């Protein structure tokens, strides 16, 4: 699977570290109950089809990226830097 890094160009997925759903960027607040933190840290969806995932270009430019991909076909539909979304990882 090739991921088109906005800074480095097409790269093999082994250069990247998969971090999970882009919902990971939405941390529970300080007053959130323990169940919210448990869901955030341990309970992840594993849908078949289109997903938006957080990836780190570990062996490249060290950018955090949101990758929109199909988990069934492995087609990548979009790659965008997290910084452009106004969110830091």
C-alpha atoms as a PDB file:
ATOM      1  CA  UNK A   1       0.000   0.000   0.000  1.00  0.00           C
ATOM      2  CA  UNK A   2       1.389   3.410  -0.979  1.00  0.00           C
ATOM      3  CA  UNK A   3       0.560   6.552   0.982  1.00  0.00           C
ATOM      4  CA  UNK A   4       1.065   9.876  -0.805  1.00  0.00           C
ATOM      5  CA  UNK A   5       2.746  12.044   1.808  1.00  0.00           C
ATOM      6  CA  UNK A   6       2.057  15.720   1.001  1.00  0.00           C
ATOM      7  CA  UNK A   7       5.725  16.536   1.665  1.00  0.00           C
ATOM      8  CA  UNK A   8       7.615  13.405   0.548  1.00  0.00           C
ATOM      9  CA  UNK A   9       5.447  11.991  -2.229  1.00  0.00           C
ATOM     10  CA  UNK A  10       4.332   8.355  -2.553  1.00  0.00           C
ATOM     11  CA  UNK A  11       5.855   6.126   0.132  1.00  0.00           C
ATOM     12  CA  UNK A  12       5.416   2.523   1.236  1.00  0.00           C
ATOM     13  CA  UNK A  13       3.100   2.187   4.230  1.00  0.00           C
ATOM     14  CA  UNK A  14       5.963   0.645   6.239  1.00  0.00           C
ATOM     15  CA  UNK A  15       7.441   4.152   6.578  1.00  0.00           C
ATOM     16  CA  UNK A  16       4.365   5.158   8.566  1.00  0.00           C
ATOM     17  CA  UNK A  17       3.057   4.321  12.012  1.00  0.00           C
ATOM     18  CA  UNK A  18      -0.698   3.654  12.135  1.00  0.00           C
ATOM     19  CA  UNK A  19      -2.283   5.364  15.127  1.00  0.00           C
ATOM     20  CA  UNK A  20      -5.983   4.571  14.670  1.00  0.00           C
ATOM     21  CA  UNK A  21      -9.115   6.507  13.859  1.00  0.00           C
ATOM     22  CA  UNK A  22      -8.834  10.271  13.517  1.00  0.00           C
ATOM     23  CA  UNK A  23     -11.330  10.428  16.413  1.00  0.00           C
ATOM     24  CA  UNK A  24      -8.233   9.837  18.538  1.00  0.00           C
ATOM     25  CA  UNK A  25      -7.601  13.588  18.241  1.00  0.00           C
ATOM     26  CA  UNK A  26     -10.783  14.260  20.241  1.00  0.00           C
ATOM     27  CA  UNK A  27      -9.678  13.534  23.818  1.00  0.00           C
ATOM     28  CA  UNK A  28     -12.191  13.507  26.669  1.00  0.00           C
ATOM     29  CA  UNK A  29     -12.177  16.582  28.888  1.00  0.00           C
ATOM     30  CA  UNK A  30     -10.661  16.698  32.376  1.00  0.00           C
ATOM     31  CA  UNK A  31     -14.053  16.160  34.018  1.00  0.00           C
ATOM     32  CA  UNK A  32     -14.942  13.180  31.791  1.00  0.00           C
ATOM     33  CA  UNK A  33     -15.983   9.986  33.610  1.00  0.00           C
ATOM     34  CA  UNK A  34     -13.628   6.987  33.642  1.00  0.00           C
ATOM     35  CA  UNK A  35     -15.835   5.201  31.093  1.00  0.00           C
ATOM     36  CA  UNK A  36     -15.127   7.969  28.542  1.00  0.00           C
ATOM     37  CA  UNK A  37     -11.375   7.549  29.077  1.00  0.00           C
ATOM     38  CA  UNK A  38     -11.712   3.771  28.806  1.00  0.00           C
ATOM     39  CA  UNK A  39     -13.476   4.147  25.454  1.00  0.00           C
ATOM     40  CA  UNK A  40     -10.862   6.654  24.272  1.00  0.00           C
ATOM     41  CA  UNK A  41      -7.886   4.484  25.230  1.00  0.00           C
ATOM     42  CA  UNK A  42      -9.074   0.924  24.674  1.00  0.00           C
ATOM     43  CA  UNK A  43     -12.262   0.566  22.646  1.00  0.00           C
ATOM     44  CA  UNK A  44     -11.884   1.098  18.915  1.00  0.00           C
ATOM     45  CA  UNK A  45     -14.231   0.474  16.018  1.00  0.00           C
ATOM     46  CA  UNK A  46     -12.973  -1.730  13.199  1.00  0.00           C
ATOM     47  CA  UNK A  47     -15.338  -0.935  10.334  1.00  0.00           C
ATOM     48  CA  UNK A  48     -15.225  -2.452   6.866  1.00  0.00           C
ATOM     49  CA  UNK A  49     -15.228   0.277   4.228  1.00  0.00           C
ATOM     50  CA  UNK A  50     -14.269   3.953   4.343  1.00  0.00           C
ATOM     51  CA  UNK A  51     -12.305   5.191   7.358  1.00  0.00           C
ATOM     52  CA  UNK A  52     -10.324   8.276   8.350  1.00  0.00           C
ATOM     53  CA  UNK A  53      -7.161   7.208  10.129  1.00  0.00           C
ATOM     54  CA  UNK A  54      -4.299   8.960  11.851  1.00  0.00           C
ATOM     55  CA  UNK A  55      -0.837   8.026  10.557  1.00  0.00           C
ATOM     56  CA  UNK A  56       2.631   9.279  11.556  1.00  0.00           C
ATOM     57  CA  UNK A  57       5.365   9.454   8.892  1.00  0.00           C
ATOM     58  CA  UNK A  58       7.957   7.984  11.217  1.00  0.00           C
ATOM     59  CA  UNK A  59      10.641   7.166   8.633  1.00  0.00           C
ATOM     60  CA  UNK A  60      10.167  10.336   6.607  1.00  0.00           C
ATOM     61  CA  UNK A  61       9.204  13.931   7.320  1.00  0.00           C
ATOM     62  CA  UNK A  62       7.672  13.133  10.753  1.00  0.00           C
ATOM     63  CA  UNK A  63       4.306  14.609   9.738  1.00  0.00           C
ATOM     64  CA  UNK A  64       0.986  13.539  11.254  1.00  0.00           C
ATOM     65  CA  UNK A  65      -1.483  12.714   8.490  1.00  0.00           C
ATOM     66  CA  UNK A  66      -5.180  11.906   8.209  1.00  0.00           C
ATOM     67  CA  UNK A  67      -5.614   9.174   5.594  1.00  0.00           C
ATOM     68  CA  UNK A  68      -9.049   8.470   4.126  1.00  0.00           C
ATOM     69  CA  UNK A  69      -9.022   4.888   2.890  1.00  0.00           C
ATOM     70  CA  UNK A  70     -11.165   1.867   2.155  1.00  0.00           C
ATOM     71  CA  UNK A  71     -10.292  -0.988   4.518  1.00  0.00           C
ATOM     72  CA  UNK A  72     -11.753  -3.563   2.119  1.00  0.00           C
ATOM     73  CA  UNK A  73      -9.932  -2.578  -1.093  1.00  0.00           C
ATOM     74  CA  UNK A  74      -6.978  -0.732   0.512  1.00  0.00           C
ATOM     75  CA  UNK A  75      -7.582   2.195  -1.873  1.00  0.00           C
ATOM     76  CA  UNK A  76      -6.464   5.525  -0.472  1.00  0.00           C
ATOM     77  CA  UNK A  77      -8.817   8.381  -1.343  1.00  0.00           C
ATOM     78  CA  UNK A  78      -7.189  11.343   0.418  1.00  0.00           C
ATOM     79  CA  UNK A  79      -4.192  12.276   2.566  1.00  0.00           C
ATOM     80  CA  UNK A  80      -4.083  15.549   4.484  1.00  0.00           C
ATOM     81  CA  UNK A  81      -1.714  16.905   7.105  1.00  0.00           C
ATOM     82  CA  UNK A  82      -3.256  17.154  10.583  1.00  0.00           C
ATOM     83  CA  UNK A  83      -1.834  20.681  10.881  1.00  0.00           C
ATOM     84  CA  UNK A  84      -4.046  21.878   8.002  1.00  0.00           C
ATOM     85  CA  UNK A  85      -7.117  20.764   9.963  1.00  0.00           C
ATOM     86  CA  UNK A  86      -6.234  23.177  12.750  1.00  0.00           C
ATOM     87  CA  UNK A  87      -5.491  20.307  15.145  1.00  0.00           C
ATOM     88  CA  UNK A  88      -2.201  19.172  16.587  1.00  0.00           C
ATOM     89  CA  UNK A  89      -1.367  15.593  17.360  1.00  0.00           C
END
